[in-house]
Amino acid sequence: MAIVGPTASGKSALALELGERLNGEIVNCDSIQIYRGFVVGSGKLLPHERRGIPHHLLDRVDPGQAFTAGDYMREARQVLASIHARRKLPIVVGGTGLYLRALLLGLFRGPARSEALRARLRHLAEKRGREFLHRMLRRLDSQAACRIQPRDTQKIIRALEVSILARQPLSRMHDGGREPLAGVRALKIGLDPDRAELFRRINTRVERMFAAGLVEETRALIEGVRLQGLRAKTPAALEALGYKQAASYLSRNATLAEAIAETQKATRRYAKRQLTWFRREPKVAWFRGFGDDPRIQTQALAWLRERCDRVRNGTSVARPTRPPEGEPA
């Protein structure tokens, strides 16, 4: 099963509750928690907070190491197989929608990374602005350009890289070559909390992250990257929410108050994008509340048990509920 929803919606709390009740093991689906050393800013649960439930795909790679959606797909599928072999329930939890999609649907077989081409594209972005790259993408692959935000330089560069190297649009390649996860029925729970309360929680969480040592953690990560000789290229993980703003404060490009306010603003925007992404995910059962709410936990547990019973009995599964389309995020 999978638990999806925006940041600060209580996905981890719900996963822990379901893991305890249903003899489950938790599989991380957050692209930053994959990395070692990213704790405070990623919301990663510490070992003593995990209630003795096994957690997988945390602290998997070093900050300077590349880890793609394809890497996640391969490793997560291996983890799922091992959990099933132990006759436990795998609970996939996180807010990285691309990782979940890669796990369940597979990925197209695109061209290998070209660091030389990526370097040229990054140079273009620095010289002429990321909007220039987005206009390039619009000419080469209009469908991908509509799907990718102009601010998302990393995804724009990958889409351009594929289009240039494969000599065909990324969107066209997405249509074929996938290998969906076989032999598994995925049950998906989505958390859709009240927006005002979600944004209040985001603001509070960001303040707590900075108070808990996010700046110090970022400083240590930057120093570690420098010791690895990666000065010329900042690892993508250090561009993540919170870390980017903390680095800006450390380089004296922002005050601490400005870094906190910018992180809050950027995280609220990210939560909106997450909701937009997950609303497009098929067959999600949506619960209007937070995952740490006992009422939501009881409802989710009852829903999950009912679906599992129906699957075992071979009866039809009711269509999952969805939040109303057009509801403001």
Protein backbone atom coordinates (compact mmCIF):
# COMPACT_ATOMS: atom_id res chain seq x y z
CA MET A 1 0.00 0.00 0.00
CA ALA A 2 1.02 3.63 -0.40
CA ILE A 3 0.31 6.80 1.57
CA VAL A 4 0.50 10.07 -0.38
CA GLY A 5 -0.21 13.71 0.28
CA PRO A 6 1.44 17.09 0.74
CA THR A 7 4.31 17.79 3.08
CA ALA A 8 3.29 18.25 6.73
CA SER A 9 0.04 16.31 6.23
CA GLY A 10 1.01 13.56 8.69
CA LYS A 11 1.94 10.77 6.28
CA SER A 12 4.61 9.37 8.60
CA ALA A 13 2.28 9.35 11.60
CA LEU A 14 -0.35 7.43 9.67
CA ALA A 15 2.25 4.99 8.35
CA LEU A 16 3.48 4.25 11.85
CA GLU A 17 -0.05 3.61 13.09
CA LEU A 18 -0.90 1.31 10.17
CA GLY A 19 2.49 -0.39 10.42
CA GLU A 20 1.87 -1.27 14.06
CA ARG A 21 -1.68 -2.45 13.49
CA LEU A 22 -1.06 -4.42 10.30
CA ASN A 23 2.43 -5.88 10.81
CA GLY A 24 3.92 -3.62 8.20
CA GLU A 25 7.32 -2.31 7.15
CA ILE A 26 7.80 1.22 5.85
CA VAL A 27 9.45 2.06 2.52
CA ASN A 28 10.60 5.64 2.09
CA CYS A 29 9.37 7.48 -1.01
CA ASP A 30 11.01 10.87 -0.35
CA SER A 31 13.86 11.91 -2.61
CA ILE A 32 15.75 13.81 0.11
CA GLN A 33 15.44 11.24 2.89
CA ILE A 34 17.32 8.85 0.60
CA TYR A 35 20.50 10.85 1.38
CA ARG A 36 22.73 10.46 4.41
CA GLY A 37 23.05 13.51 6.64
CA PHE A 38 19.74 15.07 5.61
CA VAL A 39 17.75 14.74 8.82
CA VAL A 40 16.43 18.00 10.24
CA GLY A 41 15.36 19.57 6.96
CA SER A 42 13.91 16.39 5.44
CA GLY A 43 11.65 15.49 8.37
CA LYS A 44 13.34 12.09 8.63
CA LEU A 45 12.23 10.10 11.66
CA LEU A 46 15.05 9.23 14.04
CA PRO A 47 15.50 5.54 14.98
CA HIS A 48 13.84 5.96 18.39
CA GLU A 49 10.80 7.54 16.71
CA ARG A 50 10.13 4.56 14.42
CA ARG A 51 8.39 2.41 17.07
CA GLY A 52 10.55 -0.56 16.19
CA ILE A 53 9.04 -0.76 12.69
CA PRO A 54 11.62 -1.51 9.96
CA HIS A 55 12.21 1.45 7.64
CA HIS A 56 13.78 1.01 4.22
CA LEU A 57 15.56 3.31 1.73
CA LEU A 58 16.62 5.89 4.29
CA ASP A 59 20.23 7.17 4.36
CA ARG A 60 20.93 5.17 1.24
CA VAL A 61 23.44 7.38 -0.63
CA ASP A 62 25.96 10.16 0.00
CA PRO A 63 25.03 13.79 -0.80
CA GLY A 64 27.31 13.99 -3.83
CA GLN A 65 25.98 10.77 -5.35
CA ALA A 66 23.35 10.84 -8.08
CA PHE A 67 20.17 8.89 -7.34
CA THR A 68 17.51 8.87 -10.03
CA ALA A 69 13.89 7.77 -10.21
CA GLY A 70 15.17 4.72 -12.08
CA ASP A 71 17.51 3.90 -9.20
CA TYR A 72 14.59 4.23 -6.80
CA MET A 73 12.39 1.98 -8.93
CA ARG A 74 14.97 -0.81 -8.99
CA GLU A 75 15.85 -0.65 -5.29
CA ALA A 76 12.28 -0.18 -4.07
CA ARG A 77 11.06 -3.17 -6.08
CA GLN A 78 13.75 -5.31 -4.49
CA VAL A 79 12.70 -4.09 -1.04
CA LEU A 80 9.03 -4.84 -1.76
CA ALA A 81 9.92 -8.37 -2.83
CA SER A 82 11.85 -8.99 0.39
CA ILE A 83 9.01 -7.62 2.54
CA HIS A 84 6.47 -9.80 0.75
CA ALA A 85 8.76 -12.80 1.25
CA ARG A 86 8.58 -12.15 5.01
CA ARG A 87 4.78 -12.01 4.71
CA LYS A 88 4.71 -8.41 5.94
CA LEU A 89 2.75 -5.46 4.55
CA PRO A 90 4.92 -2.94 2.67
CA ILE A 91 3.81 0.65 3.31
CA VAL A 92 5.29 3.09 0.79
CA VAL A 93 5.32 6.61 2.27
CA GLY A 94 6.49 9.94 0.92
CA GLY A 95 5.76 12.99 -1.13
CA THR A 96 7.91 12.38 -4.22
CA GLY A 97 5.27 11.56 -6.79
CA LEU A 98 7.74 10.67 -9.54
CA TYR A 99 9.28 7.98 -7.35
CA LEU A 100 5.89 6.40 -6.67
CA ARG A 101 4.97 6.50 -10.34
CA ALA A 102 8.29 4.92 -11.28
CA LEU A 103 7.77 2.18 -8.69
CA LEU A 104 4.25 1.29 -9.80
CA LEU A 105 4.30 2.01 -13.53
CA GLY A 106 7.97 1.77 -14.44
CA LEU A 107 10.01 4.24 -16.48
CA PHE A 108 10.74 4.62 -20.16
CA ARG A 109 14.19 3.58 -21.35
CA GLY A 110 15.74 6.90 -22.18
CA PRO A 111 19.32 7.78 -23.09
CA ALA A 112 22.03 7.73 -20.43
CA ARG A 113 22.97 10.91 -18.61
CA SER A 114 25.38 13.22 -20.39
CA GLU A 115 27.22 15.33 -17.84
CA ALA A 116 28.81 17.39 -20.63
CA LEU A 117 25.41 18.30 -22.10
CA ARG A 118 23.97 18.99 -18.66
CA ALA A 119 26.87 21.30 -17.87
CA ARG A 120 26.23 23.26 -21.08
CA LEU A 121 22.52 23.54 -20.25
CA ARG A 122 23.26 24.68 -16.69
CA HIS A 123 25.63 27.29 -18.10
CA LEU A 124 22.88 28.51 -20.41
CA ALA A 125 20.50 28.75 -17.45
CA GLU A 126 23.02 30.80 -15.46
CA LYS A 127 23.81 33.06 -18.41
CA ARG A 128 20.36 33.57 -19.95
CA GLY A 129 17.97 32.45 -17.21
CA ARG A 130 15.98 29.29 -16.61
CA GLU A 131 13.08 30.76 -18.58
CA PHE A 132 15.30 30.54 -21.67
CA LEU A 133 15.69 26.79 -21.10
CA HIS A 134 11.93 26.45 -20.71
CA ARG A 135 11.41 28.21 -24.06
CA MET A 136 13.90 25.78 -25.64
CA LEU A 137 11.90 22.89 -24.22
CA ARG A 138 8.67 24.39 -25.53
CA ARG A 139 10.11 24.26 -29.05
CA LEU A 140 11.41 20.70 -28.71
CA ASP A 141 8.62 19.14 -26.61
CA SER A 142 5.57 21.31 -25.99
CA GLN A 143 3.82 18.61 -23.94
CA ALA A 144 6.73 18.32 -21.51
CA ALA A 145 6.98 22.12 -21.30
CA CYS A 146 3.32 22.32 -20.26
CA ARG A 147 3.88 19.71 -17.58
CA ILE A 148 7.16 21.06 -16.14
CA GLN A 149 7.20 24.33 -14.20
CA PRO A 150 9.56 27.03 -15.58
CA ARG A 151 11.20 27.16 -12.13
CA ASP A 152 12.08 23.45 -12.14
CA THR A 153 15.49 23.69 -13.79
CA GLN A 154 16.48 20.12 -12.97
CA LYS A 155 13.49 18.57 -14.76
CA ILE A 156 13.80 20.99 -17.68
CA ILE A 157 17.43 20.00 -18.16
CA ARG A 158 16.57 16.28 -18.11
CA ALA A 159 13.75 16.77 -20.61
CA LEU A 160 16.05 18.74 -22.92
CA GLU A 161 18.80 16.15 -22.49
CA VAL A 162 16.48 13.32 -23.54
CA SER A 163 15.00 15.25 -26.45
CA ILE A 164 18.43 16.21 -27.78
CA LEU A 165 20.15 12.85 -27.32
CA ALA A 166 17.22 10.66 -28.39
CA ARG A 167 16.17 13.06 -31.16
CA GLN A 168 12.57 12.72 -30.12
CA PRO A 169 10.43 14.36 -27.42
CA LEU A 170 10.55 13.07 -23.86
CA SER A 171 6.73 12.99 -23.79
CA ARG A 172 6.70 10.61 -26.76
CA MET A 173 9.20 8.29 -25.09
CA HIS A 174 7.08 8.25 -21.94
CA ASP A 175 4.31 6.55 -23.90
CA GLY A 176 6.24 3.33 -24.41
CA GLY A 177 8.80 1.03 -22.88
CA ARG A 178 7.43 0.98 -19.33
CA GLU A 179 7.39 -2.16 -17.20
CA PRO A 180 4.68 -1.84 -14.51
CA LEU A 181 5.11 -3.49 -11.14
CA ALA A 182 3.71 -7.02 -11.58
CA GLY A 183 1.93 -9.32 -9.18
CA VAL A 184 0.95 -6.61 -6.70
CA ARG A 185 -2.35 -4.86 -6.06
CA ALA A 186 -1.56 -1.34 -4.87
CA LEU A 187 -3.96 0.27 -2.41
CA LYS A 188 -3.39 4.01 -2.14
CA ILE A 189 -4.43 6.37 0.66
CA GLY A 190 -4.27 10.14 0.15
CA LEU A 191 -4.33 12.82 2.84
CA ASP A 192 -6.17 16.02 1.88
CA PRO A 193 -6.12 18.29 4.95
CA ASP A 194 -7.62 21.72 5.43
CA ARG A 195 -5.47 24.25 3.56
CA ALA A 196 -5.33 26.93 6.25
CA GLU A 197 -4.29 24.42 8.91
CA LEU A 198 -1.83 22.77 6.53
CA PHE A 199 -0.13 26.08 5.83
CA ARG A 200 -0.04 26.89 9.55
CA ARG A 201 1.65 23.54 10.20
CA ILE A 202 4.12 24.15 7.40
CA ASN A 203 5.06 27.53 8.86
CA THR A 204 5.48 26.04 12.32
CA ARG A 205 7.47 23.07 11.03
CA VAL A 206 9.90 25.35 9.19
CA GLU A 207 10.45 27.45 12.33
CA ARG A 208 11.15 24.27 14.30
CA MET A 209 13.56 23.00 11.66
CA PHE A 210 15.67 26.14 11.88
CA ALA A 211 15.48 26.09 15.68
CA ALA A 212 16.51 22.41 15.70
CA GLY A 213 19.73 23.06 13.79
CA LEU A 214 18.97 23.18 10.07
CA VAL A 215 21.64 25.85 9.51
CA GLU A 216 24.26 23.78 11.33
CA GLU A 217 23.24 20.65 9.42
CA THR A 218 23.51 22.53 6.12
CA ARG A 219 26.93 23.88 7.06
CA ALA A 220 28.17 20.37 7.83
CA LEU A 221 26.79 19.03 4.54
CA ILE A 222 28.43 21.82 2.55
CA GLU A 223 31.76 21.17 4.26
CA GLY A 224 31.42 17.47 3.56
CA VAL A 225 30.77 18.15 -0.10
CA ARG A 226 33.85 20.37 -0.28
CA LEU A 227 35.98 17.66 1.28
CA GLN A 228 34.80 15.34 -1.49
CA GLY A 229 36.09 17.80 -4.07
CA LEU A 230 32.65 18.67 -5.46
CA ARG A 231 33.00 22.45 -5.32
CA ALA A 232 32.13 22.94 -8.98
CA LYS A 233 28.79 21.20 -8.71
CA THR A 234 26.30 21.54 -5.88
CA PRO A 235 24.53 18.21 -5.25
CA ALA A 236 20.84 18.37 -6.08
CA ALA A 237 19.91 17.42 -2.51
CA LEU A 238 21.42 20.70 -1.23
CA GLU A 239 18.99 22.54 -3.50
CA ALA A 240 16.09 21.05 -1.55
CA LEU A 241 13.65 23.18 0.44
CA GLY A 242 15.18 24.51 3.61
CA TYR A 243 18.73 23.55 2.72
CA LYS A 244 18.86 26.00 -0.17
CA GLN A 245 17.59 28.83 2.03
CA ALA A 246 19.90 27.88 4.90
CA ALA A 247 22.84 27.92 2.46
CA SER A 248 21.75 31.37 1.32
CA TYR A 249 21.88 32.54 4.93
CA LEU A 250 25.32 30.97 5.41
CA SER A 251 26.63 32.76 2.32
CA ARG A 252 25.17 36.03 3.71
CA ASN A 253 22.76 36.45 0.83
CA ALA A 254 19.82 36.48 3.25
CA THR A 255 19.14 37.13 6.90
CA LEU A 256 17.94 34.30 9.09
CA ALA A 257 14.42 35.77 9.15
CA GLU A 258 14.44 36.02 5.34
CA ALA A 259 15.65 32.42 5.00
CA ILE A 260 12.86 31.18 7.27
CA ALA A 261 10.18 33.21 5.49
CA GLU A 262 11.37 32.09 2.06
CA THR A 263 11.41 28.44 3.15
CA GLN A 264 7.85 28.76 4.45
CA LYS A 265 6.68 30.36 1.22
CA ALA A 266 8.46 27.83 -1.01
CA THR A 267 7.18 24.89 1.05
CA ARG A 268 3.58 26.10 0.81
CA ARG A 269 3.98 26.28 -2.96
CA TYR A 270 5.51 22.82 -3.01
CA ALA A 271 2.55 21.44 -1.05
CA LYS A 272 0.20 22.83 -3.71
CA ARG A 273 2.21 21.15 -6.46
CA GLN A 274 2.18 17.86 -4.57
CA LEU A 275 -1.60 17.98 -4.28
CA THR A 276 -1.92 18.70 -7.99
CA TRP A 277 0.33 15.76 -8.81
CA PHE A 278 -1.34 13.26 -6.50
CA ARG A 279 -4.84 14.23 -7.63
CA ARG A 280 -3.85 12.85 -11.01
CA GLU A 281 -2.80 9.57 -9.42
CA PRO A 282 -5.45 6.94 -10.18
CA LYS A 283 -7.41 4.99 -7.58
CA VAL A 284 -6.47 6.98 -4.49
CA ALA A 285 -8.80 6.88 -1.47
CA TRP A 286 -8.76 10.43 -0.13
CA PHE A 287 -9.23 11.27 3.55
CA ARG A 288 -9.94 14.88 4.49
CA GLY A 289 -7.64 15.38 7.44
CA PHE A 290 -4.18 14.86 8.87
CA GLY A 291 -2.48 11.52 9.34
CA ASP A 292 -1.81 12.17 13.04
CA ASP A 293 -5.56 12.60 13.72
CA PRO A 294 -6.87 9.45 15.51
CA ARG A 295 -10.16 9.82 13.62
CA ILE A 296 -8.40 9.70 10.25
CA GLN A 297 -6.22 6.82 11.43
CA THR A 298 -9.32 4.82 12.42
CA GLN A 299 -11.03 5.56 9.10
CA ALA A 300 -7.94 4.65 7.07
CA LEU A 301 -7.45 1.42 9.00
CA ALA A 302 -11.10 0.42 8.50
CA TRP A 303 -10.93 1.26 4.78
CA LEU A 304 -7.73 -0.71 4.32
CA ARG A 305 -9.02 -3.77 6.17
CA GLU A 306 -12.22 -3.73 4.13
CA ARG A 307 -10.28 -3.56 0.85
CA CYS A 308 -7.93 -6.34 1.91
CA ASP A 309 -10.91 -8.52 2.82
CA ARG A 310 -12.51 -7.84 -0.56
CA VAL A 311 -9.29 -8.70 -2.36
CA ARG A 312 -8.97 -11.97 -0.42
CA ASN A 313 -12.60 -12.84 -1.07
CA GLY A 314 -12.38 -11.95 -4.74
CA THR A 315 -15.15 -9.34 -4.60
CA SER A 316 -15.08 -5.98 -6.34
CA VAL A 317 -13.38 -3.01 -4.75
CA ALA A 318 -15.40 0.18 -4.45
CA ARG A 319 -14.18 3.18 -6.38
CA PRO A 320 -11.92 5.34 -4.17
CA THR A 321 -13.07 8.80 -3.23
CA ARG A 322 -11.47 11.94 -4.61
CA PRO A 323 -11.38 15.55 -3.46
CA PRO A 324 -13.53 17.81 -5.60
CA GLU A 325 -11.80 19.03 -8.72
CA GLY A 326 -11.10 22.71 -8.68
CA GLU A 327 -10.85 22.99 -4.90
CA PRO A 328 -8.30 25.70 -4.14
CA ALA A 329 -4.95 24.39 -2.97
